[in-house]
């Protein structure tokens, strides 16, 4: 039985587009491996993606930080150190 030639749908489509643009074969790679290889091939693009992610998620990050300040981190009451 032949395996499908399309990469795993679990990999972020934006990463797949960038990999194709840069000529990177993603066959057999995990999303983590694709990210690492793209980072080596296109460091500026990786930094831009990271900045964009931080901007897109700034509100959620702010709300989470406020919740941690109010309630502490999850499971802190269970720690013995």
N, C-alpha and C. Protein backbone atom coordinates (compact mmCIF):
# COMPACT_ATOMS: atom_id res chain seq x y z
N UNK A 1 0.84 -1.18 0.00
CA UNK A 1 0.00 0.00 0.00
C UNK A 1 0.89 1.24 0.00
N UNK A 2 0.62 2.17 -0.89
CA UNK A 2 1.38 3.41 -0.98
C UNK A 2 0.92 4.39 0.09
N UNK A 3 1.89 5.12 0.65
CA UNK A 3 1.57 6.15 1.63
C UNK A 3 1.21 7.43 0.88
N UNK A 4 0.34 8.24 1.44
CA UNK A 4 0.00 9.52 0.78
C UNK A 4 1.22 10.42 0.71
N UNK A 5 1.30 11.19 -0.35
CA UNK A 5 2.44 12.09 -0.54
C UNK A 5 2.27 13.41 0.18
N UNK A 6 1.07 13.70 0.63
CA UNK A 6 0.86 14.97 1.33
C UNK A 6 1.37 14.87 2.75
N UNK A 7 1.93 15.95 3.28
CA UNK A 7 2.43 15.94 4.63
C UNK A 7 1.29 15.82 5.64
N UNK A 8 1.65 15.53 6.86
CA UNK A 8 0.68 15.38 7.93
C UNK A 8 -0.15 16.64 8.09
N UNK A 9 -1.48 16.50 8.24
CA UNK A 9 -2.31 17.70 8.43
C UNK A 9 -2.08 18.35 9.78
N UNK A 10 -1.29 17.73 10.63
CA UNK A 10 -1.03 18.29 11.94
C UNK A 10 0.00 19.42 11.89
N UNK A 11 0.68 19.57 10.78
CA UNK A 11 1.68 20.63 10.64
C UNK A 11 0.98 21.92 10.21
N UNK A 12 1.32 23.01 10.87
CA UNK A 12 0.75 24.32 10.60
C UNK A 12 0.88 24.64 9.11
N UNK A 13 -0.24 24.96 8.43
CA UNK A 13 -0.19 25.25 7.00
C UNK A 13 0.77 26.38 6.63
N UNK A 14 0.92 27.38 7.50
CA UNK A 14 1.85 28.47 7.23
C UNK A 14 3.29 27.93 7.15
N UNK A 15 3.61 26.98 8.02
CA UNK A 15 4.94 26.37 7.98
C UNK A 15 5.14 25.60 6.68
N UNK A 16 4.11 24.88 6.27
CA UNK A 16 4.21 24.13 5.01
C UNK A 16 4.41 25.06 3.83
N UNK A 17 3.70 26.19 3.82
CA UNK A 17 3.87 27.17 2.74
C UNK A 17 5.29 27.72 2.72
N UNK A 18 5.80 28.06 3.90
CA UNK A 18 7.17 28.59 3.98
C UNK A 18 8.19 27.55 3.56
N UNK A 19 7.97 26.31 3.97
CA UNK A 19 8.89 25.23 3.58
C UNK A 19 8.90 25.07 2.07
N UNK A 20 7.73 25.08 1.46
CA UNK A 20 7.64 24.94 0.00
C UNK A 20 8.34 26.12 -0.69
N UNK A 21 8.12 27.32 -0.16
CA UNK A 21 8.73 28.52 -0.74
C UNK A 21 10.25 28.44 -0.71
N UNK A 22 10.78 27.83 0.36
CA UNK A 22 12.23 27.72 0.52
C UNK A 22 12.81 26.42 -0.04
N UNK A 23 11.93 25.57 -0.59
CA UNK A 23 12.40 24.32 -1.19
C UNK A 23 12.74 23.25 -0.17
N UNK A 24 12.17 23.33 1.01
CA UNK A 24 12.43 22.35 2.07
C UNK A 24 11.44 21.20 1.97
N UNK A 25 11.94 20.00 1.86
CA UNK A 25 11.09 18.82 1.86
C UNK A 25 10.70 18.51 3.30
N UNK A 26 9.41 18.35 3.56
CA UNK A 26 8.94 18.10 4.92
C UNK A 26 8.53 16.64 5.13
N UNK A 27 8.76 15.83 4.14
CA UNK A 27 8.37 14.42 4.23
C UNK A 27 9.04 13.76 5.43
N UNK A 28 8.23 13.17 6.29
CA UNK A 28 8.73 12.46 7.44
C UNK A 28 9.15 13.34 8.61
N UNK A 29 8.93 14.65 8.51
CA UNK A 29 9.32 15.56 9.58
C UNK A 29 8.14 15.89 10.47
N UNK A 30 8.42 16.07 11.73
CA UNK A 30 7.40 16.57 12.66
C UNK A 30 7.32 18.07 12.51
N UNK A 31 6.27 18.67 13.08
CA UNK A 31 6.15 20.13 13.02
C UNK A 31 7.35 20.78 13.70
N UNK A 32 7.80 20.20 14.80
CA UNK A 32 8.97 20.75 15.52
C UNK A 32 10.19 20.76 14.61
N UNK A 33 10.42 19.65 13.90
CA UNK A 33 11.57 19.58 13.00
C UNK A 33 11.46 20.58 11.85
N UNK A 34 10.24 20.75 11.32
CA UNK A 34 10.03 21.72 10.25
C UNK A 34 10.36 23.12 10.77
N UNK A 35 9.87 23.45 11.98
CA UNK A 35 10.16 24.77 12.57
C UNK A 35 11.67 24.99 12.72
N UNK A 36 12.37 23.97 13.24
CA UNK A 36 13.81 24.11 13.45
C UNK A 36 14.56 24.29 12.14
N UNK A 37 14.17 23.54 11.12
CA UNK A 37 14.86 23.68 9.83
C UNK A 37 14.56 25.02 9.18
N UNK A 38 13.31 25.47 9.30
CA UNK A 38 12.98 26.79 8.76
C UNK A 38 13.73 27.89 9.49
N UNK A 39 13.90 27.71 10.79
CA UNK A 39 14.63 28.70 11.58
C UNK A 39 16.07 28.82 11.10
N UNK A 40 16.67 27.68 10.74
CA UNK A 40 18.05 27.71 10.23
C UNK A 40 18.11 28.30 8.82
N UNK A 41 17.11 27.97 7.99
CA UNK A 41 17.11 28.45 6.61
C UNK A 41 16.73 29.93 6.49
N UNK A 42 15.82 30.37 7.36
CA UNK A 42 15.26 31.72 7.25
C UNK A 42 15.07 32.32 8.64
N UNK A 43 16.18 32.68 9.31
CA UNK A 43 16.06 33.21 10.68
C UNK A 43 15.17 34.45 10.78
N UNK A 44 15.24 35.33 9.80
CA UNK A 44 14.42 36.54 9.85
C UNK A 44 12.94 36.19 9.77
N UNK A 45 12.59 35.21 8.96
CA UNK A 45 11.20 34.77 8.85
C UNK A 45 10.71 34.16 10.15
N UNK A 46 11.57 33.42 10.83
CA UNK A 46 11.21 32.82 12.11
C UNK A 46 10.97 33.89 13.16
N UNK A 47 11.82 34.90 13.17
CA UNK A 47 11.64 36.00 14.12
C UNK A 47 10.34 36.75 13.84
N UNK A 48 10.04 36.95 12.57
CA UNK A 48 8.81 37.64 12.21
C UNK A 48 7.59 36.83 12.64
N UNK A 49 7.63 35.50 12.45
CA UNK A 49 6.52 34.65 12.90
C UNK A 49 6.37 34.72 14.41
N UNK A 50 7.48 34.71 15.14
CA UNK A 50 7.42 34.78 16.60
C UNK A 50 6.83 36.11 17.06
N UNK A 51 7.24 37.21 16.43
CA UNK A 51 6.68 38.52 16.78
C UNK A 51 5.19 38.57 16.48
N UNK A 52 4.80 38.05 15.33
CA UNK A 52 3.39 38.05 14.94
C UNK A 52 2.57 37.21 15.93
N UNK A 53 3.10 36.04 16.33
CA UNK A 53 2.41 35.19 17.29
C UNK A 53 2.22 35.94 18.61
N UNK A 54 3.27 36.60 19.08
CA UNK A 54 3.19 37.34 20.34
C UNK A 54 2.16 38.46 20.24
N UNK A 55 2.11 39.15 19.12
CA UNK A 55 1.12 40.22 18.93
C UNK A 55 -0.30 39.65 18.89
N UNK A 56 -0.48 38.55 18.17
CA UNK A 56 -1.81 37.95 18.04
C UNK A 56 -2.31 37.40 19.38
N UNK A 57 -1.40 37.00 20.25
CA UNK A 57 -1.78 36.37 21.51
C UNK A 57 -1.54 37.27 22.73
N UNK A 58 -1.26 38.55 22.50
CA UNK A 58 -0.91 39.46 23.59
C UNK A 58 -2.03 39.55 24.63
N UNK A 59 -3.26 39.61 24.20
CA UNK A 59 -4.38 39.74 25.15
C UNK A 59 -4.49 38.49 26.02
N UNK A 60 -4.39 37.31 25.42
CA UNK A 60 -4.47 36.06 26.20
C UNK A 60 -3.30 35.96 27.17
N UNK A 61 -2.12 36.38 26.75
CA UNK A 61 -0.94 36.35 27.62
C UNK A 61 -1.15 37.30 28.79
N UNK A 62 -1.66 38.48 28.50
CA UNK A 62 -1.91 39.47 29.55
C UNK A 62 -2.93 38.94 30.57
N UNK A 63 -4.02 38.35 30.07
CA UNK A 63 -5.04 37.80 30.97
C UNK A 63 -4.49 36.65 31.81
N UNK A 64 -3.68 35.82 31.22
CA UNK A 64 -3.08 34.71 31.97
C UNK A 64 -2.14 35.24 33.04
N UNK A 65 -1.33 36.23 32.70
CA UNK A 65 -0.41 36.80 33.69
C UNK A 65 -1.17 37.43 34.85
N UNK A 66 -2.29 38.10 34.55
CA UNK A 66 -3.10 38.68 35.62
C UNK A 66 -3.69 37.59 36.52
N UNK A 67 -4.15 36.50 35.92
CA UNK A 67 -4.72 35.39 36.70
C UNK A 67 -3.66 34.77 37.60
N UNK A 68 -2.45 34.62 37.10
CA UNK A 68 -1.36 34.06 37.91
C UNK A 68 -1.03 35.00 39.07
N UNK A 69 -1.05 36.30 38.83
CA UNK A 69 -0.80 37.25 39.91
C UNK A 69 -1.87 37.15 41.00
N UNK A 70 -3.12 36.98 40.58
CA UNK A 70 -4.23 36.90 41.54
C UNK A 70 -4.26 35.57 42.29
N UNK A 71 -4.10 34.46 41.54
CA UNK A 71 -4.30 33.14 42.14
C UNK A 71 -3.03 32.33 42.33
N UNK A 72 -1.94 32.77 41.75
CA UNK A 72 -0.71 31.97 41.77
C UNK A 72 -0.75 30.95 40.65
N UNK A 73 0.32 30.20 40.53
CA UNK A 73 0.40 29.20 39.46
C UNK A 73 -0.37 27.96 39.84
N UNK A 74 -0.89 27.27 38.84
CA UNK A 74 -1.65 26.05 39.07
C UNK A 74 -0.79 25.02 39.78
N UNK A 75 -1.32 24.45 40.85
CA UNK A 75 -0.62 23.39 41.57
C UNK A 75 0.38 23.88 42.58
N UNK A 76 0.51 25.18 42.78
CA UNK A 76 1.51 25.71 43.71
C UNK A 76 1.25 25.18 45.11
N UNK A 77 -0.01 24.96 45.46
CA UNK A 77 -0.34 24.45 46.79
C UNK A 77 0.07 23.00 46.99
N UNK A 78 0.36 22.30 45.90
CA UNK A 78 0.76 20.89 45.98
C UNK A 78 2.27 20.70 46.04
N UNK A 79 3.01 21.73 45.73
CA UNK A 79 4.47 21.63 45.73
C UNK A 79 5.01 21.49 47.14
N UNK A 80 6.07 20.71 47.27
CA UNK A 80 6.70 20.50 48.57
C UNK A 80 8.08 21.16 48.65
N UNK A 81 8.45 21.94 47.65
CA UNK A 81 9.74 22.61 47.68
C UNK A 81 9.59 24.09 47.77
